[in-house]
């Protein structure tokens, strides 16, 4: 069981998961959207791998708004979407995940779109996306149950535009649950 909590409110966390022992099987936004028939994931939805196997189930969702459309912020994100000079020395979700997942044999090109917990992405009728301030409040959580043994990377997002202009911590708790 993994519980991700926003202790102060309005903070996004990027999550990526892989089948333990097989970095070629990862969390897939496309498969997840297809099988749930929605881009708005919340309690009861299952998150699927690129091999169509259940990886995680969203059990309890205090917020009800997460994003699985946008990639983790990166140096390139800051170079292309933020004012000039922003990228230099700026931490990124992609960089944090690369560093955290490398010991498990996961290469940078194996980090696709992440589940951006608490991120408030609005989709217009014309298909354009806009990032709004997170609607998460202090103490709200997302509880996920692993459906297989996983390697999980989790980082607090460092993109100002995703966190209403400020950076705050993300809390998490892992609880082992024995089956059968």
Protein backbone atom coordinates (compact mmCIF):
# COMPACT_ATOMS: atom_id res chain seq x y z
CA UNK A 1 0.00 0.00 0.00
CA UNK A 2 1.28 3.46 -0.87
CA UNK A 3 -0.26 6.61 0.55
CA UNK A 4 0.87 9.93 -0.95
CA UNK A 5 -0.06 12.97 1.14
CA UNK A 6 0.15 16.68 0.40
CA UNK A 7 1.06 18.00 3.88
CA UNK A 8 0.70 21.73 3.09
CA UNK A 9 -1.62 21.82 0.07
CA UNK A 10 -1.16 22.75 -3.61
CA UNK A 11 1.84 20.46 -4.25
CA UNK A 12 2.12 17.97 -7.11
CA UNK A 13 3.98 14.65 -6.93
CA UNK A 14 5.14 12.66 -9.99
CA UNK A 15 4.90 8.88 -9.69
CA UNK A 16 6.32 6.22 -12.00
CA UNK A 17 6.12 2.45 -11.52
CA UNK A 18 7.80 -0.59 -13.09
CA UNK A 19 7.31 -4.33 -12.66
CA UNK A 20 9.93 -5.47 -10.16
CA UNK A 21 12.74 -7.20 -12.05
CA UNK A 22 11.50 -6.10 -15.50
CA UNK A 23 12.15 -2.48 -16.43
CA UNK A 24 10.49 -3.14 -19.79
CA UNK A 25 7.06 -3.16 -18.12
CA UNK A 26 5.98 0.25 -16.89
CA UNK A 27 2.94 2.28 -15.93
CA UNK A 28 1.07 3.29 -19.10
CA UNK A 29 -1.17 6.33 -19.37
CA UNK A 30 -2.55 5.15 -22.72
CA UNK A 31 -3.57 1.69 -21.52
CA UNK A 32 -4.96 3.18 -18.31
CA UNK A 33 -7.12 5.70 -20.20
CA UNK A 34 -8.29 3.05 -22.68
CA UNK A 35 -9.38 0.51 -20.07
CA UNK A 36 -10.95 3.01 -17.64
CA UNK A 37 -12.54 5.01 -20.49
CA UNK A 38 -11.63 8.30 -18.82
CA UNK A 39 -8.73 10.70 -18.36
CA UNK A 40 -10.04 11.70 -14.93
CA UNK A 41 -8.78 8.95 -12.63
CA UNK A 42 -10.01 8.59 -9.06
CA UNK A 43 -11.06 6.01 -6.45
CA UNK A 44 -11.75 2.58 -7.93
CA UNK A 45 -9.75 3.05 -11.12
CA UNK A 46 -6.97 0.62 -12.00
CA UNK A 47 -3.65 1.81 -13.44
CA UNK A 48 -2.32 -0.55 -16.14
CA UNK A 49 1.11 -1.39 -17.50
CA UNK A 50 2.20 -1.12 -21.11
CA UNK A 51 1.52 -4.90 -21.19
CA UNK A 52 -2.11 -4.41 -20.08
CA UNK A 53 -1.58 -5.83 -16.61
CA UNK A 54 -3.01 -4.11 -13.51
CA UNK A 55 -0.22 -2.36 -11.59
CA UNK A 56 -1.98 -0.14 -9.06
CA UNK A 57 -5.53 0.48 -7.88
CA UNK A 58 -6.61 3.88 -6.58
CA UNK A 59 -8.35 3.04 -3.32
CA UNK A 60 -9.01 6.35 -1.58
CA UNK A 61 -8.75 9.71 -3.27
CA UNK A 62 -9.31 12.82 -1.15
CA UNK A 63 -8.73 15.20 -4.07
CA UNK A 64 -10.21 13.65 -7.22
CA UNK A 65 -7.92 15.51 -9.63
CA UNK A 66 -4.70 14.08 -11.01
CA UNK A 67 -2.97 14.26 -14.38
CA UNK A 68 -1.72 11.43 -16.56
CA UNK A 69 -1.35 13.46 -19.78
CA UNK A 70 1.82 15.50 -19.23
CA UNK A 71 5.38 14.25 -18.98
CA UNK A 72 7.54 14.94 -15.93
CA UNK A 73 9.13 18.40 -15.99
CA UNK A 74 12.70 18.40 -17.30
CA UNK A 75 15.50 20.77 -18.21
CA UNK A 76 13.87 21.02 -21.65
CA UNK A 77 10.53 21.92 -20.05
CA UNK A 78 12.14 24.87 -18.31
CA UNK A 79 14.04 25.91 -21.45
CA UNK A 80 10.94 25.82 -23.67
CA UNK A 81 8.11 26.92 -21.38
CA UNK A 82 9.68 29.17 -18.74
CA UNK A 83 11.59 32.48 -18.92
CA UNK A 84 15.15 32.36 -20.32
CA UNK A 85 17.75 31.23 -17.79
CA UNK A 86 15.19 29.31 -15.70
CA UNK A 87 16.58 25.87 -16.59
CA UNK A 88 20.10 26.41 -15.29
CA UNK A 89 20.48 24.68 -11.95
CA UNK A 90 16.72 24.05 -11.71
CA UNK A 91 15.83 20.60 -10.34
CA UNK A 92 13.25 18.65 -12.31
CA UNK A 93 10.97 15.69 -11.78
CA UNK A 94 12.59 13.90 -14.70
CA UNK A 95 16.09 14.44 -13.27
CA UNK A 96 14.97 13.31 -9.82
CA UNK A 97 13.37 10.16 -11.26
CA UNK A 98 16.41 9.38 -13.43
CA UNK A 99 18.63 9.53 -10.35
CA UNK A 100 16.27 7.52 -8.12
CA UNK A 101 15.54 4.79 -10.67
CA UNK A 102 19.07 4.29 -12.08
CA UNK A 103 20.08 1.78 -9.34
CA UNK A 104 17.22 -0.44 -10.59
CA UNK A 105 18.55 -0.48 -14.16
CA UNK A 106 15.94 1.96 -15.44
CA UNK A 107 17.34 4.23 -18.15
CA UNK A 108 16.17 7.80 -18.83
CA UNK A 109 14.44 6.78 -22.07
CA UNK A 110 12.33 4.32 -20.04
CA UNK A 111 10.63 7.14 -18.09
CA UNK A 112 7.44 7.99 -19.98
CA UNK A 113 4.44 10.04 -18.86
CA UNK A 114 4.12 9.92 -15.08
CA UNK A 115 1.03 9.94 -12.90
CA UNK A 116 1.08 13.53 -11.67
CA UNK A 117 -0.70 13.22 -8.36
CA UNK A 118 -2.74 16.29 -7.33
CA UNK A 119 -1.91 18.08 -10.63
CA UNK A 120 -4.85 20.08 -11.97
CA UNK A 121 -4.76 19.93 -15.77
CA UNK A 122 -7.77 21.42 -17.48
CA UNK A 123 -8.73 20.24 -20.98
CA UNK A 124 -10.63 22.76 -23.10
CA UNK A 125 -13.25 21.91 -25.70
CA UNK A 126 -10.64 22.70 -28.35
CA UNK A 127 -8.30 20.08 -26.82
CA UNK A 128 -5.84 22.61 -25.41
CA UNK A 129 -4.47 21.86 -21.97
CA UNK A 130 -3.95 24.39 -19.22
CA UNK A 131 -2.32 23.79 -15.86
CA UNK A 132 -4.38 25.21 -13.02
CA UNK A 133 -3.36 25.49 -9.37
CA UNK A 134 -3.62 22.16 -7.54
CA UNK A 135 -6.87 21.83 -5.63
CA UNK A 136 -5.29 19.62 -2.96
CA UNK A 137 -5.49 20.96 0.56
CA UNK A 138 -3.17 20.29 3.49
CA UNK A 139 -3.40 16.68 4.65
CA UNK A 140 -5.25 15.28 1.65
CA UNK A 141 -4.05 11.93 0.29
CA UNK A 142 -4.19 9.40 -2.50
CA UNK A 143 -4.03 5.75 -1.42
CA UNK A 144 -2.83 3.18 -3.96
CA UNK A 145 -2.69 -0.62 -3.73
CA UNK A 146 0.03 -2.43 -5.68
CA UNK A 147 -1.36 -5.24 -7.82
CA UNK A 148 2.11 -6.71 -8.44
CA UNK A 149 5.61 -6.30 -7.02
CA UNK A 150 6.82 -2.88 -8.16
CA UNK A 151 9.72 -0.47 -8.28
CA UNK A 152 8.22 2.99 -7.73
CA UNK A 153 9.78 6.41 -8.19
CA UNK A 154 8.10 9.39 -6.51
CA UNK A 155 9.18 13.04 -6.46
CA UNK A 156 7.70 16.35 -5.37
CA UNK A 157 7.29 18.46 -8.51
CA UNK A 158 9.62 21.42 -8.93
CA UNK A 159 7.76 23.21 -11.75
CA UNK A 160 6.39 26.52 -10.50
CA UNK A 161 3.52 26.42 -12.96
CA UNK A 162 2.25 23.14 -11.53
CA UNK A 163 2.37 24.15 -7.85
CA UNK A 164 0.78 27.60 -7.85
CA UNK A 165 4.20 29.25 -7.73
CA UNK A 166 5.62 27.60 -4.60
CA UNK A 167 7.47 24.42 -3.67
CA UNK A 168 6.50 22.25 -0.76
CA UNK A 169 7.24 18.71 0.41
CA UNK A 170 5.28 15.56 -0.38
CA UNK A 171 4.83 12.85 2.22
CA UNK A 172 4.43 9.16 1.53
CA UNK A 173 3.95 5.99 3.51
CA UNK A 174 4.51 2.43 2.33
CA UNK A 175 2.75 -0.39 4.13
CA UNK A 176 3.43 -4.02 3.29
CA UNK A 177 0.27 -6.03 2.85
CA UNK A 178 0.57 -9.81 2.79
CA UNK A 179 -1.73 -11.64 0.42
CA UNK A 180 -3.46 -14.95 0.93
